[in-house]
Amino acid sequence: MGILLWIIFGALVGWVASIIMKTNDQQGAFGDILLGIVGAVVGGFIMNLLGQPGVNEFNLYSFIVALIGAVIVVTVSRAFRSRV
């Protein structure tokens, strides 16, 4: 995907993940984009470990994989924040 599509994709995934995890008030648009892109990388890595394709196109499968990754990123960051 091109850089512009990664930004749009990241914004959509990050926004939905922040709504699901109830962190929408804590982060802005840049946080949503960053969360979505990192979530896509994490979700793709996990799916590759399971023998499935990761995020490779702008489609529903990639959106779900990235969303799962973003939810995992938020969960892990909450766990680290609660310990500190």
Protein backbone atom coordinates (compact mmCIF):
# COMPACT_ATOMS: atom_id res chain seq x y z
CA MET A 1 0.00 0.00 0.00
CA GLY A 2 1.12 3.55 -0.57
CA ILE A 3 1.89 5.88 2.31
CA LEU A 4 -1.39 7.78 1.89
CA LEU A 5 -3.41 4.57 2.03
CA TRP A 6 -1.49 3.49 5.16
CA ILE A 7 -2.41 6.78 6.82
CA ILE A 8 -6.09 6.49 5.86
CA PHE A 9 -6.18 2.81 6.80
CA GLY A 10 -4.42 3.54 10.09
CA ALA A 11 -6.83 6.36 10.90
CA LEU A 12 -9.88 4.15 10.32
CA VAL A 13 -8.51 1.17 12.24
CA GLY A 14 -7.18 3.31 15.08
CA TRP A 15 -10.45 5.19 15.41
CA VAL A 16 -12.52 2.00 15.58
CA ALA A 17 -10.06 0.39 18.02
CA SER A 18 -10.12 3.46 20.26
CA ILE A 19 -13.92 3.34 20.32
CA ILE A 20 -13.92 -0.38 21.16
CA MET A 21 -11.30 0.05 23.90
CA LYS A 22 -12.89 3.32 25.14
CA THR A 23 -9.72 5.39 24.67
CA ASN A 24 -11.22 7.76 22.11
CA ASP A 25 -11.15 10.75 24.50
CA GLN A 26 -7.47 10.20 25.36
CA GLN A 27 -5.96 10.42 21.88
CA GLY A 28 -6.39 12.59 18.84
CA ALA A 29 -6.28 11.91 15.14
CA PHE A 30 -2.51 11.43 15.15
CA GLY A 31 -2.84 8.86 17.95
CA ASP A 32 -5.52 7.00 15.98
CA ILE A 33 -3.33 6.91 12.87
CA LEU A 34 -0.34 5.68 14.84
CA LEU A 35 -2.42 3.09 16.69
CA GLY A 36 -3.87 1.80 13.41
CA ILE A 37 -0.51 1.49 11.69
CA VAL A 38 1.15 -0.20 14.67
CA GLY A 39 -1.92 -2.42 15.01
CA ALA A 40 -1.62 -3.45 11.37
CA VAL A 41 2.01 -4.41 11.89
CA VAL A 42 1.26 -6.35 15.10
CA GLY A 43 -1.81 -8.04 13.62
CA GLY A 44 0.09 -8.97 10.46
CA PHE A 45 2.94 -10.41 12.51
CA ILE A 46 0.55 -12.51 14.60
CA MET A 47 -1.30 -13.77 11.53
CA ASN A 48 2.00 -14.70 9.86
CA LEU A 49 2.92 -16.71 12.97
CA LEU A 50 -0.39 -18.55 12.58
CA GLY A 51 0.32 -19.27 8.92
CA GLN A 52 -2.22 -16.81 7.54
CA PRO A 53 -1.61 -13.76 5.37
CA GLY A 54 -1.19 -10.46 7.15
CA VAL A 55 -2.25 -7.00 6.07
CA ASN A 56 -1.56 -6.63 2.37
CA GLU A 57 -4.46 -4.73 0.80
CA PHE A 58 -7.22 -2.31 1.70
CA ASN A 59 -9.98 -4.87 2.32
CA LEU A 60 -12.18 -6.22 5.13
CA TYR A 61 -9.78 -9.04 6.05
CA SER A 62 -6.87 -6.64 6.45
CA PHE A 63 -9.08 -4.27 8.43
CA ILE A 64 -10.03 -7.02 10.88
CA VAL A 65 -6.41 -8.20 11.23
CA ALA A 66 -5.26 -4.62 11.89
CA LEU A 67 -8.13 -4.06 14.33
CA ILE A 68 -7.17 -7.15 16.31
CA GLY A 69 -3.57 -5.94 16.38
CA ALA A 70 -4.63 -2.46 17.52
CA VAL A 71 -6.76 -3.88 20.33
CA ILE A 72 -3.78 -5.97 21.43
CA VAL A 73 -1.55 -2.87 21.39
CA VAL A 74 -4.01 -0.93 23.58
CA THR A 75 -4.37 -3.87 25.97
CA VAL A 76 -0.61 -4.28 26.34
CA SER A 77 -0.09 -0.54 26.83
CA ARG A 78 -2.76 -0.51 29.55
CA ALA A 79 -1.04 -3.42 31.31
CA PHE A 80 2.31 -1.59 31.28
CA ARG A 81 0.74 1.68 32.44
CA SER A 82 -1.03 0.02 35.37
CA ARG A 83 2.26 -1.49 36.59
CA VAL A 84 4.14 1.81 36.53
